[in-house]
Amino acid sequence: MSHPRHALDEIIHAPVRLSIMAMLAAAETVDFGFLRDTIEVSDSLLSKHITTLEKAGYVRATKGFVGKRPRTWLALTDEGRDAFQNYTSILQQITEGTRRA
C-alpha cells in the first residue's frame, strides 16, 4: 500500500490554487476582486491559477457587469467540489496517520 500523499491532486496542491479552492468551497460564487484581496495575490497571478483550475474543470468563471463595471464571478463546478473534498480527505489521512480502506 502506498502513502496517501501520492493521491494528492497536483492541480489543487499549489498553495495559491489550494487557497482558491478553499475559498470557493465555502461559497456559491465569489467575486474575482474579493478573492484576490482575501488570498492576497495580484490580478495576474490569480488569473493564471484560475485558468489552470478552469482547464481542469474545477472552476467556472462567469463574466458580467455591475452597472457599467465589468465583473467576474467564480464558482466551483461539481467536479471541482468533489476534487476538493477528496483532496481534504487525503490531507486528513496524512495528518491523522490513517490510510485509505
PDB file of N, CA and C in Angstrom:
ATOM      1  N   MET A   1       0.850  -1.175   0.000  1.00  0.00           N
ATOM      2  CA  MET A   1       0.000   0.000   0.000  1.00  0.00           C
ATOM      3  C   MET A   1       0.900   1.244   0.000  1.00  0.00           C
ATOM      4  N   SER A   2       0.554   2.259  -0.781  1.00  0.00           N
ATOM      5  CA  SER A   2       1.378   3.457  -0.871  1.00  0.00           C
ATOM      6  C   SER A   2       0.876   4.547   0.076  1.00  0.00           C
ATOM      7  N   HIS A   3       1.750   5.459   0.359  1.00  0.00           N
ATOM      8  CA  HIS A   3       1.412   6.579   1.241  1.00  0.00           C
ATOM      9  C   HIS A   3       0.338   7.440   0.579  1.00  0.00           C
ATOM     10  N   PRO A   4      -0.609   7.975   1.364  1.00  0.00           N
ATOM     11  CA  PRO A   4      -1.702   8.766   0.781  1.00  0.00           C
ATOM     12  C   PRO A   4      -1.238  10.013   0.025  1.00  0.00           C
ATOM     13  N   ARG A   5      -0.041  10.513   0.303  1.00  0.00           N
ATOM     14  CA  ARG A   5       0.418  11.731  -0.382  1.00  0.00           C
ATOM     15  C   ARG A   5       0.472  11.538  -1.888  1.00  0.00           C
ATOM     16  N   HIS A   6       0.632  10.299  -2.328  1.00  0.00           N
ATOM     17  CA  HIS A   6       0.695  10.025  -3.756  1.00  0.00           C
ATOM     18  C   HIS A   6      -0.648  10.263  -4.441  1.00  0.00           C
ATOM     19  N   ALA A   7      -1.699  10.318  -3.668  1.00  0.00           N
ATOM     20  CA  ALA A   7      -3.034  10.539  -4.228  1.00  0.00           C
ATOM     21  C   ALA A   7      -3.443  12.010  -4.221  1.00  0.00           C
ATOM     22  N   LEU A   8      -2.582  12.895  -3.682  1.00  0.00           N
ATOM     23  CA  LEU A   8      -2.918  14.317  -3.667  1.00  0.00           C
ATOM     24  C   LEU A   8      -3.005  14.849  -5.090  1.00  0.00           C
ATOM     25  N   ASP A   9      -4.015  15.638  -5.351  1.00  0.00           N
ATOM     26  CA  ASP A   9      -4.245  16.235  -6.672  1.00  0.00           C
ATOM     27  C   ASP A   9      -3.236  17.361  -6.878  1.00  0.00           C
ATOM     28  N   GLU A  10      -2.318  17.187  -7.812  1.00  0.00           N
ATOM     29  CA  GLU A  10      -1.265  18.177  -8.059  1.00  0.00           C
ATOM     30  C   GLU A  10      -1.829  19.501  -8.565  1.00  0.00           C
ATOM     31  N   ILE A  11      -2.986  19.472  -9.192  1.00  0.00           N
ATOM     32  CA  ILE A  11      -3.595  20.717  -9.656  1.00  0.00           C
ATOM     33  C   ILE A  11      -3.998  21.566  -8.462  1.00  0.00           C
ATOM     34  N   ILE A  12      -4.562  20.978  -7.457  1.00  0.00           N
ATOM     35  CA  ILE A  12      -5.006  21.715  -6.268  1.00  0.00           C
ATOM     36  C   ILE A  12      -3.839  22.018  -5.343  1.00  0.00           C
ATOM     37  N   HIS A  13      -2.815  21.200  -5.350  1.00  0.00           N
ATOM     38  CA  HIS A  13      -1.761  21.234  -4.338  1.00  0.00           C
ATOM     39  C   HIS A  13      -0.953  22.536  -4.268  1.00  0.00           C
ATOM     40  N   ALA A  14      -0.860  23.288  -5.348  1.00  0.00           N
ATOM     41  CA  ALA A  14      -0.133  24.562  -5.319  1.00  0.00           C
ATOM     42  C   ALA A  14      -0.805  25.489  -4.307  1.00  0.00           C
ATOM     43  N   PRO A  15      -0.029  26.185  -3.470  1.00  0.00           N
ATOM     44  CA  PRO A  15      -0.620  26.995  -2.402  1.00  0.00           C
ATOM     45  C   PRO A  15      -1.691  27.993  -2.849  1.00  0.00           C
ATOM     46  N   VAL A  16      -1.470  28.682  -3.952  1.00  0.00           N
ATOM     47  CA  VAL A  16      -2.476  29.656  -4.403  1.00  0.00           C
ATOM     48  C   VAL A  16      -3.735  28.933  -4.862  1.00  0.00           C
ATOM     49  N   ARG A  17      -3.579  27.838  -5.613  1.00  0.00           N
ATOM     50  CA  ARG A  17      -4.762  27.094  -6.067  1.00  0.00           C
ATOM     51  C   ARG A  17      -5.505  26.458  -4.902  1.00  0.00           C
ATOM     52  N   LEU A  18      -4.780  25.986  -3.911  1.00  0.00           N
ATOM     53  CA  LEU A  18      -5.425  25.447  -2.712  1.00  0.00           C
ATOM     54  C   LEU A  18      -6.231  26.551  -2.017  1.00  0.00           C
ATOM     55  N   SER A  19      -5.667  27.732  -1.925  1.00  0.00           N
ATOM     56  CA  SER A  19      -6.377  28.868  -1.315  1.00  0.00           C
ATOM     57  C   SER A  19      -7.634  29.219  -2.102  1.00  0.00           C
ATOM     58  N   ILE A  20      -7.536  29.206  -3.427  1.00  0.00           N
ATOM     59  CA  ILE A  20      -8.694  29.492  -4.281  1.00  0.00           C
ATOM     60  C   ILE A  20      -9.782  28.443  -4.051  1.00  0.00           C
ATOM     61  N   MET A  21      -9.399  27.183  -4.099  1.00  0.00           N
ATOM     62  CA  MET A  21     -10.371  26.103  -3.936  1.00  0.00           C
ATOM     63  C   MET A  21     -11.053  26.170  -2.574  1.00  0.00           C
ATOM     64  N   ALA A  22     -10.283  26.443  -1.531  1.00  0.00           N
ATOM     65  CA  ALA A  22     -10.850  26.525  -0.183  1.00  0.00           C
ATOM     66  C   ALA A  22     -11.850  27.669  -0.083  1.00  0.00           C
ATOM     67  N   MET A  23     -11.505  28.796  -0.667  1.00  0.00           N
ATOM     68  CA  MET A  23     -12.398  29.959  -0.626  1.00  0.00           C
ATOM     69  C   MET A  23     -13.682  29.662  -1.401  1.00  0.00           C
ATOM     70  N   LEU A  24     -13.537  29.076  -2.574  1.00  0.00           N
ATOM     71  CA  LEU A  24     -14.722  28.794  -3.391  1.00  0.00           C
ATOM     72  C   LEU A  24     -15.574  27.677  -2.799  1.00  0.00           C
ATOM     73  N   ALA A  25     -14.960  26.758  -2.063  1.00  0.00           N
ATOM     74  CA  ALA A  25     -15.720  25.668  -1.442  1.00  0.00           C
ATOM     75  C   ALA A  25     -16.653  26.191  -0.360  1.00  0.00           C
ATOM     76  N   ALA A  26     -16.327  27.352   0.177  1.00  0.00           N
ATOM     77  CA  ALA A  26     -17.117  27.916   1.267  1.00  0.00           C
ATOM     78  C   ALA A  26     -18.253  28.824   0.779  1.00  0.00           C
ATOM     79  N   ALA A  27     -18.381  28.990  -0.530  1.00  0.00           N
ATOM     80  CA  ALA A  27     -19.398  29.902  -1.066  1.00  0.00           C
ATOM     81  C   ALA A  27     -19.949  29.370  -2.381  1.00  0.00           C
ATOM     82  N   GLU A  28     -21.106  29.889  -2.782  1.00  0.00           N
ATOM     83  CA  GLU A  28     -21.651  29.516  -4.086  1.00  0.00           C
ATOM     84  C   GLU A  28     -20.874  30.203  -5.191  1.00  0.00           C
ATOM     85  N   THR A  29     -20.676  31.507  -5.070  1.00  0.00           N
ATOM     86  CA  THR A  29     -19.881  32.277  -6.016  1.00  0.00           C
ATOM     87  C   THR A  29     -19.075  33.316  -5.249  1.00  0.00           C
ATOM     88  N   VAL A  30     -17.938  33.684  -5.824  1.00  0.00           N
ATOM     89  CA  VAL A  30     -17.067  34.685  -5.204  1.00  0.00           C
ATOM     90  C   VAL A  30     -16.621  35.655  -6.291  1.00  0.00           C
ATOM     91  N   ASP A  31     -16.678  36.935  -5.988  1.00  0.00           N
ATOM     92  CA  ASP A  31     -16.207  37.968  -6.898  1.00  0.00           C
ATOM     93  C   ASP A  31     -14.684  37.896  -7.020  1.00  0.00           C
ATOM     94  N   PHE A  32     -14.167  38.039  -8.239  1.00  0.00           N
ATOM     95  CA  PHE A  32     -12.733  37.963  -8.508  1.00  0.00           C
ATOM     96  C   PHE A  32     -11.946  38.901  -7.590  1.00  0.00           C
ATOM     97  N   GLY A  33     -12.376  40.141  -7.488  1.00  0.00           N
ATOM     98  CA  GLY A  33     -11.660  41.121  -6.657  1.00  0.00           C
ATOM     99  C   GLY A  33     -11.648  40.744  -5.183  1.00  0.00           C
ATOM    100  N   PHE A  34     -12.757  40.238  -4.701  1.00  0.00           N
ATOM    101  CA  PHE A  34     -12.827  39.811  -3.305  1.00  0.00           C
ATOM    102  C   PHE A  34     -11.885  38.642  -3.054  1.00  0.00           C
ATOM    103  N   LEU A  35     -11.881  37.687  -3.982  1.00  0.00           N
ATOM    104  CA  LEU A  35     -10.984  36.535  -3.868  1.00  0.00           C
ATOM    105  C   LEU A  35      -9.530  36.992  -3.891  1.00  0.00           C
ATOM    106  N   ARG A  36      -9.195  37.845  -4.849  1.00  0.00           N
ATOM    107  CA  ARG A  36      -7.829  38.374  -4.971  1.00  0.00           C
ATOM    108  C   ARG A  36      -7.368  39.021  -3.669  1.00  0.00           C
ATOM    109  N   ASP A  37      -8.214  39.886  -3.119  1.00  0.00           N
ATOM    110  CA  ASP A  37      -7.845  40.598  -1.893  1.00  0.00           C
ATOM    111  C   ASP A  37      -7.763  39.663  -0.693  1.00  0.00           C
ATOM    112  N   THR A  38      -8.643  38.694  -0.625  1.00  0.00           N
ATOM    113  CA  THR A  38      -8.682  37.778   0.510  1.00  0.00           C
ATOM    114  C   THR A  38      -7.463  36.862   0.549  1.00  0.00           C
ATOM    115  N   ILE A  39      -7.062  36.341  -0.615  1.00  0.00           N
ATOM    116  CA  ILE A  39      -5.914  35.434  -0.614  1.00  0.00           C
ATOM    117  C   ILE A  39      -4.592  36.166  -0.900  1.00  0.00           C
ATOM    118  N   GLU A  40      -4.695  37.481  -1.064  1.00  0.00           N
ATOM    119  CA  GLU A  40      -3.527  38.366  -1.155  1.00  0.00           C
ATOM    120  C   GLU A  40      -2.578  38.016  -2.302  1.00  0.00           C
ATOM    121  N   VAL A  41      -3.125  38.059  -3.524  1.00  0.00           N
ATOM    122  CA  VAL A  41      -2.328  37.850  -4.728  1.00  0.00           C
ATOM    123  C   VAL A  41      -2.652  38.948  -5.737  1.00  0.00           C
ATOM    124  N   SER A  42      -1.832  39.050  -6.758  1.00  0.00           N
ATOM    125  CA  SER A  42      -2.070  40.032  -7.816  1.00  0.00           C
ATOM    126  C   SER A  42      -3.141  39.523  -8.780  1.00  0.00           C
ATOM    127  N   ASP A  43      -3.685  40.435  -9.571  1.00  0.00           N
ATOM    128  CA  ASP A  43      -4.659  40.057 -10.598  1.00  0.00           C
ATOM    129  C   ASP A  43      -4.078  39.012 -11.544  1.00  0.00           C
ATOM    130  N   SER A  44      -2.851  39.256 -11.995  1.00  0.00           N
ATOM    131  CA  SER A  44      -2.259  38.356 -12.987  1.00  0.00           C
ATOM    132  C   SER A  44      -2.007  36.964 -12.408  1.00  0.00           C
ATOM    133  N   LEU A  45      -1.540  36.892 -11.169  1.00  0.00           N
ATOM    134  CA  LEU A  45      -1.293  35.582 -10.553  1.00  0.00           C
ATOM    135  C   LEU A  45      -2.605  34.833 -10.344  1.00  0.00           C
ATOM    136  N   LEU A  46      -3.624  35.542  -9.873  1.00  0.00           N
ATOM    137  CA  LEU A  46      -4.916  34.900  -9.677  1.00  0.00           C
ATOM    138  C   LEU A  46      -5.470  34.409 -11.012  1.00  0.00           C
ATOM    139  N   SER A  47      -5.376  35.237 -12.046  1.00  0.00           N
ATOM    140  CA  SER A  47      -5.868  34.840 -13.369  1.00  0.00           C
ATOM    141  C   SER A  47      -5.168  33.581 -13.871  1.00  0.00           C
ATOM    142  N   LYS A  48      -3.855  33.521 -13.679  1.00  0.00           N
ATOM    143  CA  LYS A  48      -3.080  32.357 -14.118  1.00  0.00           C
ATOM    144  C   LYS A  48      -3.577  31.085 -13.439  1.00  0.00           C
ATOM    145  N   HIS A  49      -3.778  31.153 -12.137  1.00  0.00           N
ATOM    146  CA  HIS A  49      -4.214  29.964 -11.399  1.00  0.00           C
ATOM    147  C   HIS A  49      -5.669  29.624 -11.693  1.00  0.00           C
ATOM    148  N   ILE A  50      -6.500  30.622 -11.891  1.00  0.00           N
ATOM    149  CA  ILE A  50      -7.900  30.366 -12.264  1.00  0.00           C
ATOM    150  C   ILE A  50      -7.949  29.641 -13.605  1.00  0.00           C
ATOM    151  N   THR A  51      -7.109  30.059 -14.546  1.00  0.00           N
ATOM    152  CA  THR A  51      -7.065  29.407 -15.856  1.00  0.00           C
ATOM    153  C   THR A  51      -6.712  27.926 -15.717  1.00  0.00           C
ATOM    154  N   THR A  52      -5.740  27.616 -14.871  1.00  0.00           N
ATOM    155  CA  THR A  52      -5.363  26.221 -14.634  1.00  0.00           C
ATOM    156  C   THR A  52      -6.538  25.435 -14.066  1.00  0.00           C
ATOM    157  N   LEU A  53      -7.230  26.018 -13.097  1.00  0.00           N
ATOM    158  CA  LEU A  53      -8.365  25.336 -12.478  1.00  0.00           C
ATOM    159  C   LEU A  53      -9.540  25.197 -13.445  1.00  0.00           C
ATOM    160  N   GLU A  54      -9.733  26.193 -14.312  1.00  0.00           N
ATOM    161  CA  GLU A  54     -10.794  26.095 -15.324  1.00  0.00           C
ATOM    162  C   GLU A  54     -10.484  24.978 -16.316  1.00  0.00           C
ATOM    163  N   LYS A  55      -9.239  24.907 -16.775  1.00  0.00           N
ATOM    164  CA  LYS A  55      -8.847  23.862 -17.730  1.00  0.00           C
ATOM    165  C   LYS A  55      -9.033  22.466 -17.138  1.00  0.00           C
ATOM    166  N   ALA A  56      -8.862  22.346 -15.822  1.00  0.00           N
ATOM    167  CA  ALA A  56      -9.064  21.061 -15.144  1.00  0.00           C
ATOM    168  C   ALA A  56     -10.542  20.758 -14.931  1.00  0.00           C
ATOM    169  N   GLY A  57     -11.394  21.757 -15.176  1.00  0.00           N
ATOM    170  CA  GLY A  57     -12.826  21.572 -14.979  1.00  0.00           C
ATOM    171  C   GLY A  57     -13.276  21.788 -13.547  1.00  0.00           C
ATOM    172  N   TYR A  58     -12.415  22.395 -12.730  1.00  0.00           N
ATOM    173  CA  TYR A  58     -12.730  22.580 -11.310  1.00  0.00           C
ATOM    174  C   TYR A  58     -13.434  23.897 -11.005  1.00  0.00           C
ATOM    175  N   VAL A  59     -13.212  24.906 -11.836  1.00  0.00           N
ATOM    176  CA  VAL A  59     -13.753  26.243 -11.575  1.00  0.00           C
ATOM    177  C   VAL A  59     -14.472  26.747 -12.823  1.00  0.00           C
ATOM    178  N   ARG A  60     -15.554  27.487 -12.577  1.00  0.00           N
ATOM    179  CA  ARG A  60     -16.315  28.131 -13.649  1.00  0.00           C
ATOM    180  C   ARG A  60     -16.278  29.633 -13.402  1.00  0.00           C
ATOM    181  N   ALA A  61     -15.929  30.393 -14.432  1.00  0.00           N
ATOM    182  CA  ALA A  61     -15.917  31.847 -14.350  1.00  0.00           C
ATOM    183  C   ALA A  61     -17.104  32.387 -15.139  1.00  0.00           C
ATOM    184  N   THR A  62     -17.817  33.321 -14.540  1.00  0.00           N
ATOM    185  CA  THR A  62     -18.949  33.969 -15.191  1.00  0.00           C
ATOM    186  C   THR A  62     -18.667  35.460 -15.225  1.00  0.00           C
ATOM    187  N   LYS A  63     -18.737  36.034 -16.425  1.00  0.00           N
ATOM    188  CA  LYS A  63     -18.461  37.461 -16.567  1.00  0.00           C
ATOM    189  C   LYS A  63     -19.768  38.211 -16.750  1.00  0.00           C
ATOM    190  N   GLY A  64     -19.797  39.424 -16.217  1.00  0.00           N
ATOM    191  CA  GLY A  64     -20.977  40.265 -16.329  1.00  0.00           C
ATOM    192  C   GLY A  64     -20.633  41.678 -15.915  1.00  0.00           C
ATOM    193  N   PHE A  65     -21.653  42.452 -15.636  1.00  0.00           N
ATOM    194  CA  PHE A  65     -21.467  43.849 -15.253  1.00  0.00           C
ATOM    195  C   PHE A  65     -22.268  44.156 -14.004  1.00  0.00           C
ATOM    196  N   VAL A  66     -21.723  45.036 -13.202  1.00  0.00           N
ATOM    197  CA  VAL A  66     -22.458  45.657 -12.107  1.00  0.00           C
ATOM    198  C   VAL A  66     -22.465  47.128 -12.470  1.00  0.00           C
ATOM    199  N   GLY A  67     -23.622  47.613 -12.915  1.00  0.00           N
ATOM    200  CA  GLY A  67     -23.672  48.938 -13.507  1.00  0.00           C
ATOM    201  C   GLY A  67     -22.875  48.890 -14.798  1.00  0.00           C
ATOM    202  N   LYS A  68     -21.901  49.768 -14.924  1.00  0.00           N
ATOM    203  CA  LYS A  68     -21.054  49.779 -16.116  1.00  0.00           C
ATOM    204  C   LYS A  68     -19.706  49.113 -15.872  1.00  0.00           C
ATOM    205  N   ARG A  69     -19.527  48.577 -14.678  1.00  0.00           N
ATOM    206  CA  ARG A  69     -18.237  47.969 -14.335  1.00  0.00           C
ATOM    207  C   ARG A  69     -18.248  46.472 -14.612  1.00  0.00           C
ATOM    208  N   PRO A  70     -17.233  45.992 -15.351  1.00  0.00           N
ATOM    209  CA  PRO A  70     -17.146  44.552 -15.596  1.00  0.00           C
ATOM    210  C   PRO A  70     -16.797  43.801 -14.316  1.00  0.00           C
ATOM    211  N   ARG A  71     -17.368  42.631 -14.172  1.00  0.00           N
ATOM    212  CA  ARG A  71     -17.108  41.786 -13.006  1.00  0.00           C
ATOM    213  C   ARG A  71     -16.951  40.342 -13.458  1.00  0.00           C
ATOM    214  N   THR A  72     -16.174  39.604 -12.672  1.00  0.00           N
ATOM    215  CA  THR A  72     -16.033  38.162 -12.884  1.00  0.00           C
ATOM    216  C   THR A  72     -16.362  37.470 -11.579  1.00  0.00           C
ATOM    217  N   TRP A  73     -17.263  36.502 -11.665  1.00  0.00           N
ATOM    218  CA  TRP A  73     -17.627  35.705 -10.506  1.00  0.00           C
ATOM    219  C   TRP A  73     -17.109  34.296 -10.728  1.00  0.00           C
ATOM    220  N   LEU A  74     -16.637  33.700  -9.671  1.00  0.00           N
ATOM    221  CA  LEU A  74     -16.041  32.368  -9.744  1.00  0.00           C
ATOM    222  C   LEU A  74     -16.800  31.400  -8.857  1.00  0.00           C
ATOM    223  N   ALA A  75     -16.872  30.158  -9.309  1.00  0.00           N
ATOM    224  CA  ALA A  75     -17.555  29.116  -8.538  1.00  0.00           C
ATOM    225  C   ALA A  75     -16.908  27.775  -8.836  1.00  0.00           C
ATOM    226  N   LEU A  76     -17.001  26.876  -7.881  1.00  0.00           N
ATOM    227  CA  LEU A  76     -16.549  25.511  -8.124  1.00  0.00           C
ATOM    228  C   LEU A  76     -17.588  24.781  -8.957  1.00  0.00           C
ATOM    229  N   THR A  77     -17.126  23.951  -9.855  1.00  0.00           N
ATOM    230  CA  THR A  77     -18.015  23.030 -10.562  1.00  0.00           C
ATOM    231  C   THR A  77     -18.271  21.843  -9.629  1.00  0.00           C
ATOM    232  N   ASP A  78     -19.187  20.988 -10.013  1.00  0.00           N
ATOM    233  CA  ASP A  78     -19.410  19.772  -9.211  1.00  0.00           C
ATOM    234  C   ASP A  78     -18.137  18.944  -9.156  1.00  0.00           C
ATOM    235  N   GLU A  79     -17.443  18.861 -10.283  1.00  0.00           N
ATOM    236  CA  GLU A  79     -16.182  18.125 -10.333  1.00  0.00           C
ATOM    237  C   GLU A  79     -15.140  18.770  -9.404  1.00  0.00           C
ATOM    238  N   GLY A  80     -15.101  20.096  -9.384  1.00  0.00           N
ATOM    239  CA  GLY A  80     -14.173  20.808  -8.511  1.00  0.00           C
ATOM    240  C   GLY A  80     -14.486  20.593  -7.045  1.00  0.00           C
ATOM    241  N   ARG A  81     -15.764  20.606  -6.724  1.00  0.00           N
ATOM    242  CA  ARG A  81     -16.179  20.388  -5.333  1.00  0.00           C
ATOM    243  C   ARG A  81     -15.795  18.966  -4.889  1.00  0.00           C
ATOM    244  N   ASP A  82     -16.013  17.994  -5.758  1.00  0.00           N
ATOM    245  CA  ASP A  82     -15.630  16.609  -5.451  1.00  0.00           C
ATOM    246  C   ASP A  82     -14.113  16.475  -5.303  1.00  0.00           C
ATOM    247  N   ALA A  83     -13.369  17.115  -6.195  1.00  0.00           N
ATOM    248  CA  ALA A  83     -11.902  17.044  -6.148  1.00  0.00           C
ATOM    249  C   ALA A  83     -11.375  17.677  -4.862  1.00  0.00           C
ATOM    250  N   PHE A  84     -11.974  18.798  -4.460  1.00  0.00           N
ATOM    251  CA  PHE A  84     -11.525  19.460  -3.232  1.00  0.00           C
ATOM    252  C   PHE A  84     -11.857  18.612  -2.007  1.00  0.00           C
ATOM    253  N   GLN A  85     -13.022  18.012  -2.005  1.00  0.00           N
ATOM    254  CA  GLN A  85     -13.409  17.141  -0.892  1.00  0.00           C
ATOM    255  C   GLN A  85     -12.450  15.953  -0.799  1.00  0.00           C
ATOM    256  N   ASN A  86     -12.098  15.371  -1.925  1.00  0.00           N
ATOM    257  CA  ASN A  86     -11.158  14.255  -1.949  1.00  0.00           C
ATOM    258  C   ASN A  86      -9.781  14.722  -1.460  1.00  0.00           C
ATOM    259  N   TYR A  87      -9.357  15.878  -1.914  1.00  0.00           N
ATOM    260  CA  TYR A  87      -8.057  16.423  -1.521  1.00  0.00           C
ATOM    261  C   TYR A  87      -7.984  16.613   0.002  1.00  0.00           C
ATOM    262  N   THR A  88      -9.016  17.229   0.571  1.00  0.00           N
ATOM    263  CA  THR A  88      -9.004  17.461   2.022  1.00  0.00           C
ATOM    264  C   THR A  88      -9.098  16.149   2.794  1.00  0.00           C
ATOM    265  N   SER A  89      -9.781  15.169   2.230  1.00  0.00           N
ATOM    266  CA  SER A  89      -9.850  13.853   2.867  1.00  0.00           C
ATOM    267  C   SER A  89      -8.469  13.207   2.915  1.00  0.00           C
ATOM    268  N   ILE A  90      -7.726  13.333   1.831  1.00  0.00           N
ATOM    269  CA  ILE A  90      -6.374  12.769   1.791  1.00  0.00           C
ATOM    270  C   ILE A  90      -5.464  13.508   2.777  1.00  0.00           C
ATOM    271  N   LEU A  91      -5.578  14.825   2.841  1.00  0.00           N
ATOM    272  CA  LEU A  91      -4.794  15.583   3.829  1.00  0.00           C
ATOM    273  C   LEU A  91      -5.101  15.109   5.242  1.00  0.00           C
ATOM    274  N   GLN A  92      -6.366  14.852   5.491  1.00  0.00           N
ATOM    275  CA  GLN A  92      -6.760  14.368   6.810  1.00  0.00           C
ATOM    276  C   GLN A  92      -6.138  12.999   7.090  1.00  0.00           C
ATOM    277  N   GLN A  93      -6.115  12.141   6.092  1.00  0.00           N
ATOM    278  CA  GLN A  93      -5.486  10.827   6.260  1.00  0.00           C
ATOM    279  C   GLN A  93      -4.005  10.987   6.602  1.00  0.00           C
ATOM    280  N   ILE A  94      -3.352  11.921   5.929  1.00  0.00           N
ATOM    281  CA  ILE A  94      -1.931  12.153   6.174  1.00  0.00           C
ATOM    282  C   ILE A  94      -1.706  12.695   7.585  1.00  0.00           C
ATOM    283  N   THR A  95      -2.495  13.695   7.970  1.00  0.00           N
ATOM    284  CA  THR A  95      -2.273  14.333   9.270  1.00  0.00           C
ATOM    285  C   THR A  95      -2.698  13.447  10.444  1.00  0.00           C
ATOM    286  N   GLU A  96      -3.631  12.554  10.192  1.00  0.00           N
ATOM    287  CA  GLU A  96      -4.076  11.662  11.268  1.00  0.00           C
ATOM    288  C   GLU A  96      -3.375  10.310  11.210  1.00  0.00           C
ATOM    289  N   GLY A  97      -2.552  10.110  10.199  1.00  0.00           N
ATOM    290  CA  GLY A  97      -1.804   8.854  10.102  1.00  0.00           C
ATOM    291  C   GLY A  97      -2.638   7.671   9.706  1.00  0.00           C
ATOM    292  N   THR A  98      -3.746   7.909   8.997  1.00  0.00           N
ATOM    293  CA  THR A  98      -4.597   6.805   8.560  1.00  0.00           C
ATOM    294  C   THR A  98      -4.395   6.548   7.083  1.00  0.00           C
ATOM    295  N   ARG A  99      -4.814   5.403   6.649  1.00  0.00           N
ATOM    296  CA  ARG A  99      -4.707   5.034   5.229  1.00  0.00           C
ATOM    297  C   ARG A  99      -6.096   4.790   4.651  1.00  0.00           C
ATOM    298  N   ARG A 100      -6.131   4.849   3.343  1.00  0.00           N
ATOM    299  CA  ARG A 100      -7.382   4.550   2.638  1.00  0.00           C
ATOM    300  C   ARG A 100      -7.771   3.097   2.862  1.00  0.00           C
ATOM    301  N   ALA A 101      -9.057   2.868   2.883  1.00  0.00           N
ATOM    302  CA  ALA A 101      -9.547   1.485   3.003  1.00  0.00           C
ATOM    303  C   ALA A 101      -9.529   0.807   1.667  1.00  0.00           C
TER     304      ALA A 101
END
